[in-house]
N, C-alpha and C. Protein backbone atom coordinates (compact mmCIF):
# COMPACT_ATOMS: atom_id res chain seq x y z
N MET A 1 -18.12 7.88 -47.04
CA MET A 1 -18.44 8.69 -45.95
C MET A 1 -19.39 9.85 -46.63
N ASP A 2 -20.56 9.72 -46.19
CA ASP A 2 -21.43 10.62 -46.78
C ASP A 2 -20.96 12.25 -46.56
N LEU A 3 -21.58 13.27 -47.29
CA LEU A 3 -21.02 14.69 -47.07
C LEU A 3 -21.43 15.12 -45.69
N GLY A 4 -22.54 14.91 -45.32
CA GLY A 4 -22.92 15.17 -43.86
C GLY A 4 -21.84 14.88 -42.62
N ARG A 5 -21.73 13.61 -42.81
CA ARG A 5 -20.85 12.91 -41.79
C ARG A 5 -19.55 13.32 -41.86
N ALA A 6 -18.94 13.72 -43.32
CA ALA A 6 -17.67 14.38 -43.40
C ALA A 6 -17.53 15.64 -42.58
N ASP A 7 -18.79 16.42 -43.09
CA ASP A 7 -18.65 17.95 -42.13
C ASP A 7 -18.67 17.94 -41.03
N GLY A 8 -19.16 16.94 -40.47
CA GLY A 8 -19.21 16.64 -38.53
C GLY A 8 -18.02 16.35 -38.41
N VAL A 9 -17.19 15.44 -39.07
CA VAL A 9 -15.72 15.10 -38.56
C VAL A 9 -14.90 16.30 -38.44
N VAL A 10 -15.17 17.19 -39.71
CA VAL A 10 -14.22 18.22 -40.15
C VAL A 10 -14.28 19.41 -38.74
N TRP A 11 -15.66 19.55 -38.58
CA TRP A 11 -16.08 20.52 -37.48
C TRP A 11 -15.73 20.05 -36.00
N ARG A 12 -15.86 18.84 -35.84
CA ARG A 12 -15.27 17.90 -34.68
C ARG A 12 -13.70 18.44 -34.60
N ASN A 13 -13.10 18.14 -35.32
CA ASN A 13 -11.47 18.32 -35.62
C ASN A 13 -11.20 19.73 -35.17
N ARG A 14 -12.00 20.77 -35.43
CA ARG A 14 -11.85 22.26 -35.48
C ARG A 14 -12.03 22.59 -34.02
N ALA A 15 -13.18 22.09 -33.68
CA ALA A 15 -13.33 22.29 -32.08
C ALA A 15 -12.43 21.74 -31.28
N LEU A 16 -11.99 20.51 -31.49
CA LEU A 16 -10.93 19.82 -30.77
C LEU A 16 -9.58 20.84 -30.63
N MET A 17 -9.21 21.28 -31.81
CA MET A 17 -8.04 22.12 -32.11
C MET A 17 -8.33 23.60 -31.29
N LEU A 18 -9.28 23.69 -31.32
CA LEU A 18 -9.71 25.45 -30.66
C LEU A 18 -9.95 25.05 -28.91
N PHE A 19 -10.24 23.86 -28.88
CA PHE A 19 -10.31 23.64 -27.28
C PHE A 19 -8.99 23.46 -26.76
N ASP A 20 -8.16 22.85 -27.38
CA ASP A 20 -6.64 22.81 -27.02
C ASP A 20 -5.89 24.26 -26.87
N ARG A 21 -6.40 25.09 -27.77
CA ARG A 21 -5.69 26.28 -27.95
C ARG A 21 -6.18 27.25 -26.80
N VAL A 22 -7.23 27.10 -26.35
CA VAL A 22 -7.94 27.97 -25.31
C VAL A 22 -7.19 28.57 -24.13
N SER A 23 -6.71 29.36 -23.68
CA SER A 23 -5.66 29.78 -22.68
C SER A 23 -6.32 29.48 -21.36
N VAL A 24 -7.68 29.65 -21.23
CA VAL A 24 -8.47 29.09 -20.07
C VAL A 24 -8.51 27.79 -19.81
N PRO A 25 -8.09 27.30 -18.41
CA PRO A 25 -8.29 25.91 -18.28
C PRO A 25 -9.70 25.44 -18.26
N VAL A 26 -9.83 24.68 -19.16
CA VAL A 26 -11.23 23.82 -19.30
C VAL A 26 -11.21 22.22 -19.63
N ALA A 27 -12.19 21.52 -18.95
CA ALA A 27 -12.29 20.28 -19.07
C ALA A 27 -13.64 19.86 -19.48
N VAL A 28 -14.19 18.84 -20.06
CA VAL A 28 -15.39 18.05 -20.07
C VAL A 28 -15.57 16.99 -19.23
N CYS A 29 -16.54 17.15 -18.35
CA CYS A 29 -16.59 15.92 -17.47
C CYS A 29 -18.11 15.19 -17.43
N ASP A 30 -18.22 14.06 -17.23
CA ASP A 30 -19.13 13.23 -16.97
C ASP A 30 -20.19 13.95 -15.83
N VAL A 31 -21.54 13.45 -15.64
CA VAL A 31 -22.01 14.12 -14.69
C VAL A 31 -21.83 13.84 -13.30
N TYR A 32 -20.82 12.61 -13.06
CA TYR A 32 -20.32 12.48 -11.89
C TYR A 32 -19.13 13.40 -11.51
N GLY A 33 -18.61 14.12 -12.70
CA GLY A 33 -17.33 15.02 -12.21
C GLY A 33 -16.11 14.18 -12.58
N GLN A 34 -16.02 13.09 -13.30
CA GLN A 34 -14.84 12.65 -14.09
C GLN A 34 -14.57 12.95 -15.15
N VAL A 35 -13.24 13.58 -15.32
CA VAL A 35 -12.66 14.26 -16.58
C VAL A 35 -12.79 13.04 -17.67
N VAL A 36 -13.37 13.71 -18.91
CA VAL A 36 -13.43 12.97 -19.93
C VAL A 36 -12.37 13.66 -20.93
N LEU A 37 -12.29 14.80 -20.97
CA LEU A 37 -11.50 15.42 -21.95
C LEU A 37 -10.90 16.63 -21.35
N ALA A 38 -9.58 17.18 -21.38
CA ALA A 38 -9.20 18.48 -20.80
C ALA A 38 -8.08 19.16 -21.58
N ASN A 39 -8.28 20.44 -21.35
CA ASN A 39 -6.97 21.23 -22.39
C ASN A 39 -5.90 21.39 -21.66
N PRO A 40 -4.64 21.64 -22.65
CA PRO A 40 -3.28 21.53 -21.90
C PRO A 40 -3.27 22.77 -20.69
N ALA A 41 -4.18 23.85 -20.68
CA ALA A 41 -4.05 24.91 -19.66
C ALA A 41 -4.55 24.16 -18.22
N MET A 42 -5.74 23.29 -18.42
CA MET A 42 -6.35 22.87 -17.14
C MET A 42 -5.13 21.79 -16.92
N ALA A 43 -4.51 20.88 -17.60
CA ALA A 43 -3.65 19.79 -17.38
C ALA A 43 -2.47 20.70 -16.59
N ALA A 44 -2.16 21.86 -16.97
CA ALA A 44 -0.81 22.66 -16.41
C ALA A 44 -1.19 23.10 -15.17
N GLU A 45 -2.31 23.42 -14.85
CA GLU A 45 -2.75 23.63 -13.26
C GLU A 45 -2.66 22.55 -12.62
N CYS A 46 -2.57 21.34 -13.00
CA CYS A 46 -2.36 20.05 -11.90
C CYS A 46 -0.95 19.37 -12.47
N GLY A 47 -0.12 20.32 -12.88
CA GLY A 47 1.33 19.56 -13.49
C GLY A 47 1.43 18.16 -13.84
N THR A 48 0.75 18.18 -14.94
CA THR A 48 0.51 16.83 -15.71
C THR A 48 0.07 17.19 -17.15
N THR A 49 -0.47 16.01 -18.13
CA THR A 49 -0.94 16.19 -19.33
C THR A 49 -2.27 16.10 -19.66
N PRO A 50 -3.03 16.38 -20.33
CA PRO A 50 -4.39 16.29 -20.70
C PRO A 50 -4.88 14.89 -20.47
N GLY A 51 -3.98 13.81 -21.11
CA GLY A 51 -4.34 12.47 -21.12
C GLY A 51 -4.33 11.83 -19.81
N ARG A 52 -3.47 12.28 -18.92
CA ARG A 52 -3.16 11.64 -17.48
C ARG A 52 -4.59 12.26 -16.63
N LEU A 53 -5.29 13.26 -16.95
CA LEU A 53 -6.38 13.76 -16.25
C LEU A 53 -7.52 13.06 -16.50
N ARG A 54 -7.62 12.34 -17.55
CA ARG A 54 -8.69 11.75 -17.90
C ARG A 54 -9.17 10.40 -16.90
N GLY A 55 -10.27 10.32 -16.75
CA GLY A 55 -10.90 9.37 -15.48
C GLY A 55 -10.51 10.08 -14.05
N ARG A 56 -9.86 11.27 -13.94
CA ARG A 56 -9.83 11.89 -12.77
C ARG A 56 -11.06 12.49 -11.90
N ASP A 57 -11.35 12.37 -10.84
CA ASP A 57 -12.46 13.28 -10.17
C ASP A 57 -11.98 14.93 -10.26
N VAL A 58 -12.89 15.79 -10.89
CA VAL A 58 -12.33 17.31 -10.85
C VAL A 58 -12.27 17.55 -9.36
N LEU A 59 -13.10 17.38 -8.47
CA LEU A 59 -13.32 17.76 -7.29
C LEU A 59 -12.12 17.15 -6.52
N ASP A 60 -11.44 16.10 -6.77
CA ASP A 60 -10.01 15.53 -6.17
C ASP A 60 -8.92 16.33 -6.27
N LEU A 61 -9.08 16.96 -7.73
CA LEU A 61 -8.03 17.84 -8.30
C LEU A 61 -8.31 19.38 -7.57
N PHE A 62 -9.36 19.93 -7.53
CA PHE A 62 -9.58 21.16 -7.01
C PHE A 62 -10.58 20.93 -5.97
N ARG A 63 -10.07 21.42 -4.58
CA ARG A 63 -11.04 21.17 -3.62
C ARG A 63 -11.86 22.08 -3.25
N PRO A 64 -13.13 21.88 -3.14
CA PRO A 64 -14.40 22.53 -2.91
C PRO A 64 -14.01 23.22 -1.17
N GLN A 65 -14.25 24.43 -1.45
CA GLN A 65 -14.35 25.28 -0.04
C GLN A 65 -15.60 25.11 0.70
N GLU A 66 -16.66 24.90 -0.02
CA GLU A 66 -17.98 24.84 0.83
C GLU A 66 -18.56 23.52 0.39
N ALA A 67 -18.96 22.57 1.18
CA ALA A 67 -19.61 21.06 0.82
C ALA A 67 -20.95 21.42 0.34
N THR A 68 -21.82 22.53 0.82
CA THR A 68 -23.23 22.63 0.37
C THR A 68 -23.29 23.07 -0.92
N GLN A 69 -22.27 23.77 -1.41
CA GLN A 69 -22.20 24.18 -2.96
C GLN A 69 -22.21 22.97 -3.75
N VAL A 70 -21.56 21.97 -3.22
CA VAL A 70 -21.28 20.68 -4.26
C VAL A 70 -22.78 19.76 -4.08
N GLU A 71 -23.25 19.85 -2.94
CA GLU A 71 -24.47 19.27 -2.59
C GLU A 71 -25.71 19.88 -3.43
N ARG A 72 -25.58 21.07 -3.55
CA ARG A 72 -26.76 21.82 -4.27
C ARG A 72 -26.58 21.66 -5.92
N ILE A 73 -25.51 21.41 -6.28
CA ILE A 73 -25.11 21.18 -7.56
C ILE A 73 -25.60 19.81 -7.95
N ALA A 74 -25.27 18.54 -7.04
CA ALA A 74 -25.57 17.46 -7.40
C ALA A 74 -26.94 17.08 -7.51
N GLN A 75 -27.78 17.67 -6.43
CA GLN A 75 -29.03 17.77 -6.66
C GLN A 75 -29.82 18.28 -7.66
N ALA A 76 -29.44 19.53 -8.16
CA ALA A 76 -30.01 20.25 -9.41
C ALA A 76 -29.58 19.18 -10.78
N LEU A 77 -28.37 18.52 -10.62
CA LEU A 77 -27.91 17.88 -12.03
C LEU A 77 -29.09 16.50 -12.06
N ARG A 78 -29.24 16.01 -10.61
CA ARG A 78 -30.24 14.51 -10.80
C ARG A 78 -31.63 15.06 -11.46
N LEU A 79 -32.10 16.44 -10.96
CA LEU A 79 -33.44 16.64 -11.43
C LEU A 79 -33.23 17.25 -12.85
N ARG A 80 -31.67 17.13 -13.52
CA ARG A 80 -31.60 17.56 -14.97
C ARG A 80 -31.94 19.31 -15.10
N HIS A 81 -31.56 19.86 -14.00
CA HIS A 81 -31.71 21.27 -14.25
C HIS A 81 -30.43 21.94 -15.05
N ARG A 82 -30.37 22.89 -15.82
CA ARG A 82 -29.57 23.32 -16.40
C ARG A 82 -29.02 24.60 -16.57
N SER A 83 -28.97 24.94 -15.20
CA SER A 83 -28.39 26.35 -15.09
C SER A 83 -26.58 26.17 -14.80
N ARG A 84 -26.00 27.26 -14.75
CA ARG A 84 -24.64 27.40 -14.62
C ARG A 84 -24.28 27.36 -13.08
N TYR A 85 -23.58 26.44 -12.65
CA TYR A 85 -22.91 26.15 -11.34
C TYR A 85 -21.53 26.59 -11.04
N GLN A 86 -21.34 27.26 -10.08
CA GLN A 86 -20.07 27.78 -9.40
C GLN A 86 -19.65 27.05 -8.26
N VAL A 87 -18.22 26.70 -7.99
CA VAL A 87 -17.70 26.03 -6.67
C VAL A 87 -16.62 26.91 -6.82
N SER A 88 -16.26 27.41 -5.26
CA SER A 88 -15.32 27.57 -5.04
C SER A 88 -14.13 26.73 -4.61
N VAL A 89 -13.01 26.83 -5.03
CA VAL A 89 -12.06 25.76 -4.87
C VAL A 89 -10.51 26.23 -4.59
N ARG A 90 -9.50 25.37 -4.07
CA ARG A 90 -8.25 25.45 -3.92
C ARG A 90 -7.62 24.50 -4.04
N TRP A 91 -6.55 24.62 -4.68
CA TRP A 91 -5.16 23.56 -5.53
C TRP A 91 -4.17 23.96 -5.28
N ARG A 92 -3.26 22.88 -5.39
CA ARG A 92 -1.61 23.31 -5.51
C ARG A 92 -1.33 22.76 -6.65
N VAL A 93 -0.21 23.73 -6.91
CA VAL A 93 0.31 23.92 -8.64
C VAL A 93 1.72 23.20 -8.28
N PRO A 94 2.25 23.02 -9.49
CA PRO A 94 3.52 22.58 -9.16
C PRO A 94 4.54 23.81 -8.96
N GLY A 95 5.59 23.35 -8.00
CA GLY A 95 6.10 24.40 -7.44
C GLY A 95 5.73 24.34 -5.78
N GLY A 96 4.48 24.15 -5.57
CA GLY A 96 4.12 24.06 -4.01
C GLY A 96 3.27 25.07 -3.68
N ALA A 97 3.25 26.23 -4.73
CA ALA A 97 2.13 27.31 -4.03
C ALA A 97 0.70 26.79 -4.24
N GLU A 98 -0.15 27.45 -3.46
CA GLU A 98 -1.65 27.16 -3.49
C GLU A 98 -2.42 28.20 -4.16
N ARG A 99 -3.28 28.07 -5.01
CA ARG A 99 -4.18 28.81 -5.71
C ARG A 99 -5.59 28.54 -5.09
N PHE A 100 -6.21 29.80 -5.56
CA PHE A 100 -7.35 29.70 -5.25
C PHE A 100 -8.54 30.25 -6.28
N GLY A 101 -9.79 29.92 -6.61
CA GLY A 101 -10.47 30.40 -7.44
C GLY A 101 -11.86 29.87 -7.74
N GLU A 102 -12.49 29.63 -8.63
CA GLU A 102 -13.84 29.25 -8.73
C GLU A 102 -13.90 28.09 -10.13
N LEU A 103 -14.59 26.90 -9.94
CA LEU A 103 -14.97 26.18 -10.86
C LEU A 103 -16.33 26.60 -11.38
N THR A 104 -16.50 26.62 -12.71
CA THR A 104 -17.86 27.07 -13.30
C THR A 104 -18.28 25.73 -14.23
N ALA A 105 -19.36 25.16 -13.99
CA ALA A 105 -19.88 23.85 -14.65
C ALA A 105 -21.31 24.36 -15.45
N ASP A 106 -21.18 24.33 -16.75
CA ASP A 106 -22.10 24.25 -17.45
C ASP A 106 -22.65 22.92 -17.97
N PRO A 107 -23.92 22.58 -17.81
CA PRO A 107 -24.25 21.02 -18.27
C PRO A 107 -24.74 21.29 -19.74
N VAL A 108 -24.18 20.10 -20.71
CA VAL A 108 -24.27 20.41 -22.20
C VAL A 108 -24.57 18.94 -22.75
N SER A 109 -25.74 18.82 -23.59
CA SER A 109 -25.91 17.62 -24.21
C SER A 109 -26.75 17.82 -25.78
N ASP A 110 -26.79 16.78 -26.50
CA ASP A 110 -27.47 17.04 -27.61
C ASP A 110 -28.89 17.37 -27.66
N ARG A 111 -29.51 16.53 -26.64
CA ARG A 111 -30.86 16.75 -26.22
C ARG A 111 -31.39 16.98 -25.03
N VAL A 112 -32.36 17.59 -24.74
CA VAL A 112 -32.79 17.97 -23.39
C VAL A 112 -32.81 16.80 -22.31
N ASP A 113 -33.26 15.65 -22.92
CA ASP A 113 -33.76 14.60 -22.07
C ASP A 113 -32.66 13.65 -21.94
N GLU A 114 -31.37 14.08 -22.40
CA GLU A 114 -30.27 12.97 -21.88
C GLU A 114 -29.57 13.62 -20.91
N THR A 115 -28.82 12.66 -20.18
CA THR A 115 -28.03 13.23 -18.91
C THR A 115 -26.94 13.85 -19.66
N PRO A 116 -26.71 15.19 -19.02
CA PRO A 116 -25.61 15.83 -19.59
C PRO A 116 -24.15 15.82 -19.24
N ALA A 117 -23.44 16.19 -20.01
CA ALA A 117 -22.08 16.30 -19.54
C ALA A 117 -21.84 17.64 -18.88
N LEU A 118 -20.83 17.66 -18.24
CA LEU A 118 -20.11 19.21 -17.78
C LEU A 118 -19.15 19.82 -18.40
N LEU A 119 -19.49 21.13 -18.78
CA LEU A 119 -18.22 21.77 -19.47
C LEU A 119 -17.76 22.76 -18.34
N VAL A 120 -16.49 22.28 -18.06
CA VAL A 120 -16.35 22.87 -16.61
C VAL A 120 -14.91 23.71 -17.06
N MET A 121 -14.86 25.14 -16.42
CA MET A 121 -13.80 26.36 -16.60
C MET A 121 -13.39 26.74 -15.17
N LEU A 122 -12.08 26.76 -15.32
CA LEU A 122 -11.39 27.09 -13.91
C LEU A 122 -11.00 28.79 -14.19
N ARG A 123 -11.69 29.54 -13.35
CA ARG A 123 -10.74 30.81 -12.99
C ARG A 123 -10.08 30.84 -11.75
N VAL A 124 -8.69 31.35 -12.14
CA VAL A 124 -7.96 31.66 -11.27
C VAL A 124 -7.91 32.86 -10.41
N ARG A 125 -8.43 33.30 -9.03
CA ARG A 125 -8.39 34.37 -8.43
C ARG A 125 -7.04 34.93 -7.59
N GLY A 126 -6.30 33.90 -7.24
CA GLY A 126 -4.99 34.37 -6.62
C GLY A 126 -4.52 33.27 -6.22
N GLU A 127 -3.25 33.64 -5.27
CA GLU A 127 -2.16 32.44 -5.26
C GLU A 127 -1.53 32.84 -3.78
N CYS A 128 -1.45 31.73 -2.96
CA CYS A 128 -0.73 31.66 -1.85
C CYS A 128 0.61 31.28 -1.63
N ALA A 129 1.50 32.00 -1.40
CA ALA A 129 3.05 31.43 -1.39
C ALA A 129 2.91 30.16 -0.74
N PRO A 130 3.89 29.31 -0.94
CA PRO A 130 4.21 28.13 -0.36
C PRO A 130 4.78 28.29 1.15
N PRO A 131 4.22 27.56 2.04
CA PRO A 131 4.67 27.82 3.64
C PRO A 131 6.10 27.52 3.62
N GLU A 132 6.92 28.33 4.08
CA GLU A 132 8.33 28.15 4.63
C GLU A 132 8.47 27.00 5.29
N PRO A 133 9.42 25.89 4.99
CA PRO A 133 9.43 24.69 5.63
C PRO A 133 10.20 24.95 7.09
N GLU A 134 9.71 24.35 7.76
CA GLU A 134 10.24 24.16 9.24
C GLU A 134 11.72 23.83 9.43
N PRO A 135 12.52 24.47 10.15
CA PRO A 135 13.97 24.05 10.37
C PRO A 135 14.00 22.92 10.72
N ALA A 136 15.05 22.20 10.44
CA ALA A 136 15.50 20.58 10.84
C ALA A 136 15.44 21.05 12.17
N ARG A 137 15.16 19.92 13.01
CA ARG A 137 15.37 20.21 14.71
C ARG A 137 16.71 18.98 15.02
N VAL A 138 17.23 19.87 15.68
CA VAL A 138 18.43 19.20 16.75
C VAL A 138 18.27 19.46 18.05
N THR A 139 19.06 18.78 18.74
CA THR A 139 19.26 18.80 20.15
C THR A 139 19.72 20.34 20.57
N PRO A 140 19.51 20.59 21.74
CA PRO A 140 20.37 21.76 22.06
C PRO A 140 21.96 21.77 22.42
N VAL A 141 22.61 20.68 22.35
CA VAL A 141 23.99 20.31 22.43
C VAL A 141 24.10 20.36 20.98
N GLU A 142 23.74 19.77 19.98
CA GLU A 142 24.08 19.76 18.52
C GLU A 142 23.90 21.26 18.12
N GLY A 143 23.00 21.94 18.66
CA GLY A 143 22.76 23.35 17.77
C GLY A 143 23.99 24.19 18.30
N ARG A 144 24.38 23.91 19.68
CA ARG A 144 25.70 24.61 20.24
C ARG A 144 26.92 24.39 19.14
N VAL A 145 26.89 23.08 19.24
CA VAL A 145 28.05 22.68 18.32
C VAL A 145 28.14 22.99 16.86
N LEU A 146 27.25 23.34 16.25
CA LEU A 146 27.12 23.73 14.92
C LEU A 146 27.49 25.43 14.89
N VAL A 147 26.87 25.98 16.04
CA VAL A 147 27.47 27.55 15.95
C VAL A 147 28.49 27.65 16.36
N LEU A 148 29.41 26.83 17.27
CA LEU A 148 30.68 27.08 17.27
C LEU A 148 31.48 26.64 15.90
N LEU A 149 31.30 25.53 15.34
CA LEU A 149 31.64 25.28 14.32
C LEU A 149 31.70 26.27 13.14
N ALA A 150 30.24 26.81 13.04
CA ALA A 150 30.37 28.04 12.15
C ALA A 150 31.20 29.13 12.28
N ARG A 151 31.58 29.37 13.91
CA ARG A 151 32.70 30.49 14.21
C ARG A 151 33.99 30.21 13.87
N GLY A 152 34.35 29.22 13.52
CA GLY A 152 35.58 28.58 13.24
C GLY A 152 36.30 27.86 14.32
N ALA A 153 35.50 27.30 15.30
CA ALA A 153 36.17 26.94 16.50
C ALA A 153 36.72 25.25 16.02
N THR A 154 37.67 25.07 16.68
CA THR A 154 38.34 23.45 16.55
C THR A 154 37.65 22.59 17.50
N THR A 155 37.96 21.46 17.26
CA THR A 155 37.29 20.50 18.32
C THR A 155 37.49 20.44 19.56
N ALA A 156 38.89 20.90 19.74
CA ALA A 156 39.40 21.22 21.15
C ALA A 156 38.64 22.32 21.83
N GLY A 157 38.53 23.65 21.02
CA GLY A 157 38.07 24.79 21.35
C GLY A 157 36.55 24.60 21.51
N ALA A 158 35.76 23.85 20.84
CA ALA A 158 34.18 23.64 21.03
C ALA A 158 34.23 22.77 22.30
N ALA A 159 35.08 21.75 22.49
CA ALA A 159 35.02 21.06 23.87
C ALA A 159 35.19 22.03 25.03
N ARG A 160 36.05 22.67 24.85
CA ARG A 160 36.38 23.49 26.23
C ARG A 160 35.12 24.54 26.47
N GLU A 161 34.67 25.07 25.32
CA GLU A 161 33.31 25.98 25.32
C GLU A 161 32.35 25.12 25.85
N LEU A 162 32.00 23.90 25.73
CA LEU A 162 30.77 23.17 26.16
C LEU A 162 31.10 22.16 27.25
N GLY A 163 32.35 22.29 27.54
CA GLY A 163 32.66 21.44 28.91
C GLY A 163 32.33 19.82 28.69
N LEU A 164 32.90 19.73 27.44
CA LEU A 164 32.88 18.24 26.91
C LEU A 164 34.32 17.83 26.40
N SER A 165 34.51 16.64 26.32
CA SER A 165 35.58 16.05 25.69
C SER A 165 35.76 16.18 24.46
N LYS A 166 37.03 16.30 23.69
CA LYS A 166 36.95 16.05 22.55
C LYS A 166 36.38 15.03 21.78
N ASP A 167 36.38 13.92 22.24
CA ASP A 167 35.44 12.73 21.64
C ASP A 167 34.04 13.14 21.96
N GLY A 168 33.35 13.65 22.94
CA GLY A 168 32.22 14.02 23.00
C GLY A 168 31.65 14.87 21.83
N VAL A 169 32.47 15.85 21.52
CA VAL A 169 32.24 16.88 20.33
C VAL A 169 32.36 16.11 18.95
N THR A 170 33.27 15.16 18.87
CA THR A 170 33.53 14.49 17.63
C THR A 170 32.13 13.45 17.52
N TYR A 171 31.71 12.93 18.63
CA TYR A 171 30.71 12.21 18.71
C TYR A 171 29.47 12.98 17.78
N HIS A 172 29.21 14.04 18.26
CA HIS A 172 28.00 14.73 18.00
C HIS A 172 28.01 15.36 16.35
N LEU A 173 29.39 15.58 16.01
CA LEU A 173 29.87 15.89 14.75
C LEU A 173 29.68 14.78 13.78
N ARG A 174 29.80 13.47 14.32
CA ARG A 174 29.63 12.10 13.24
C ARG A 174 28.12 11.96 13.01
N ARG A 175 27.44 12.35 14.39
CA ARG A 175 25.95 12.03 14.03
C ARG A 175 25.40 13.02 13.34
N LEU A 176 25.67 14.22 13.40
CA LEU A 176 25.24 15.41 12.35
C LEU A 176 25.57 15.02 11.05
N SER A 177 26.64 14.50 10.60
CA SER A 177 27.20 14.38 9.28
C SER A 177 26.28 13.31 8.63
N ALA A 178 26.39 12.13 9.53
CA ALA A 178 25.66 10.79 9.02
C ALA A 178 23.95 11.58 8.62
N ARG A 179 23.38 12.07 9.58
CA ARG A 179 21.95 12.56 9.28
C ARG A 179 21.86 13.40 8.08
N TRP A 180 22.99 14.13 7.93
CA TRP A 180 22.61 15.14 6.73
C TRP A 180 23.49 14.73 5.54
N ASN A 181 24.19 13.58 5.73
CA ASN A 181 25.04 12.99 4.75
C ASN A 181 26.23 14.20 4.14
N ALA A 182 26.85 14.64 5.26
CA ALA A 182 27.79 15.85 4.87
C ALA A 182 29.18 15.12 4.91
N ALA A 183 29.97 15.43 4.05
CA ALA A 183 31.30 14.58 3.73
C ALA A 183 32.42 15.63 4.64
N ASN A 184 32.39 16.74 5.14
CA ASN A 184 33.20 17.37 5.94
C ASN A 184 32.60 18.77 6.80
N ARG A 185 33.37 19.14 7.64
CA ARG A 185 32.73 20.46 8.43
C ARG A 185 32.18 21.47 7.59
N THR A 186 32.82 21.65 6.60
CA THR A 186 32.26 22.88 5.83
C THR A 186 31.07 22.65 5.21
N GLU A 187 30.75 21.53 4.58
CA GLU A 187 29.53 20.83 4.23
C GLU A 187 28.44 20.77 5.23
N LEU A 188 29.01 20.50 6.41
CA LEU A 188 27.84 20.26 7.63
C LEU A 188 27.47 21.73 8.09
N VAL A 189 28.37 22.82 8.00
CA VAL A 189 27.76 23.99 8.26
C VAL A 189 26.92 24.48 7.41
N ALA A 190 27.44 24.19 5.64
CA ALA A 190 26.49 24.86 4.81
C ALA A 190 25.00 24.03 4.98
N ARG A 191 25.07 22.75 5.33
CA ARG A 191 23.52 22.12 5.52
C ARG A 191 22.90 22.59 6.41
N ALA A 192 23.71 22.96 7.65
CA ALA A 192 22.76 23.71 8.85
C ALA A 192 22.17 24.88 8.37
N TYR A 193 22.84 25.75 7.50
CA TYR A 193 22.17 26.99 7.10
C TYR A 193 21.32 26.85 6.23
N ALA A 194 21.47 25.62 5.05
CA ALA A 194 20.22 25.42 4.03
C ALA A 194 18.96 24.81 4.85
N LEU A 195 19.17 24.02 5.96
CA LEU A 195 17.93 23.50 6.84
C LEU A 195 17.39 24.23 7.64
N GLY A 196 18.10 25.66 7.82
CA GLY A 196 17.37 26.48 8.77
C GLY A 196 17.82 26.31 10.07
N VAL A 197 18.83 25.43 10.76
CA VAL A 197 19.13 25.57 11.80
C VAL A 197 20.07 26.61 12.39
N LEU A 198 20.80 26.99 11.40
CA LEU A 198 21.58 28.32 11.70
C LEU A 198 20.94 29.45 11.16
N THR A 199 20.95 30.43 11.80
CA THR A 199 20.18 31.78 11.23
C THR A 199 20.97 32.45 10.10
N PRO A 200 20.67 32.51 8.68
CA PRO A 200 21.25 33.02 7.58
C PRO A 200 21.51 34.86 7.92
N GLY A 201 22.33 35.24 7.52
CA GLY A 201 22.83 36.82 7.62
C GLY A 201 23.08 37.12 8.84
N VAL A 202 23.49 36.41 9.83
CA VAL A 202 23.67 36.92 11.06
C VAL A 202 25.12 36.42 11.72
N TRP A 203 25.74 37.43 12.18
CA TRP A 203 27.32 37.27 12.66
C TRP A 203 27.19 37.96 14.14
N PRO A 204 27.88 37.26 15.09
CA PRO A 204 28.48 35.55 15.18
C PRO A 204 27.19 34.70 14.90
N PRO A 205 27.39 33.75 14.32
CA PRO A 205 26.51 32.80 13.99
C PRO A 205 25.60 32.25 15.35
N GLU A 206 24.31 32.06 15.00
CA GLU A 206 23.57 31.49 16.14
C GLU A 206 22.55 30.43 15.72
N ALA A 207 22.08 29.70 16.65
CA ALA A 207 21.03 28.47 16.01
C ALA A 207 19.71 29.06 16.18
N ARG A 208 19.01 28.62 14.98
CA ARG A 208 17.45 29.13 14.97
C ARG A 208 16.57 28.08 15.75
N THR A 209 16.89 27.23 16.26
CA THR A 209 16.18 25.55 16.91
C THR A 209 17.12 25.24 17.95
N ALA A 210 16.64 24.77 18.95
CA ALA A 210 17.36 23.85 19.67
C ALA A 210 16.59 22.50 20.33
N GLU A 211 15.55 22.50 19.50
CA GLU A 211 14.84 21.25 20.01
C GLU A 211 14.96 19.87 19.32
N ARG A 212 14.73 18.88 20.19
CA ARG A 212 14.92 17.67 19.60
C ARG A 212 13.51 17.27 18.81
N GLY A 213 13.87 16.59 17.71
CA GLY A 213 12.87 16.35 16.52
C GLY A 213 12.63 14.87 16.73
């Protein structure tokens, strides 16, 4: 290997080390937006590893907020313009939260007449909390059975309160236990709170929803 080639390999390896250590999410994409190389910070935003990002479309990973922005950039690249391009994007991170920010794309190549690659950097502007899950839905009777169960009512007491037979109350309890895989009544009440059917922090217990799902 001649000296010039050896120097090129050394500098390439140094550049890759620097690329991996940069804390800003960065990727190199081809002119069509497919990821060729990504650093760990970029992969972390997608909940994966750099190698698994290779070949993915960067605009599938980060959703553009304005289609016209993408169209203008595509047209400019077809004409081989070499400006810096910016796209407003949103994406979901591990844990469910949604973030928003900008992708900045700089065309890069060794020669002006070459089809450029894109050096893509992600700027995080903010984060929206993940939406609260909707409560599990139960029928009105199931909701009242759960409320009485949480208040400590026996099967006979719940039957009197609801105007049902003991077998009727047992039927609803068995259906709920099977649906939520609850082993006993204590676990059934705990599941009802965890699933948002019973309102936490309220005494006496009350159902949050009474609609059939």
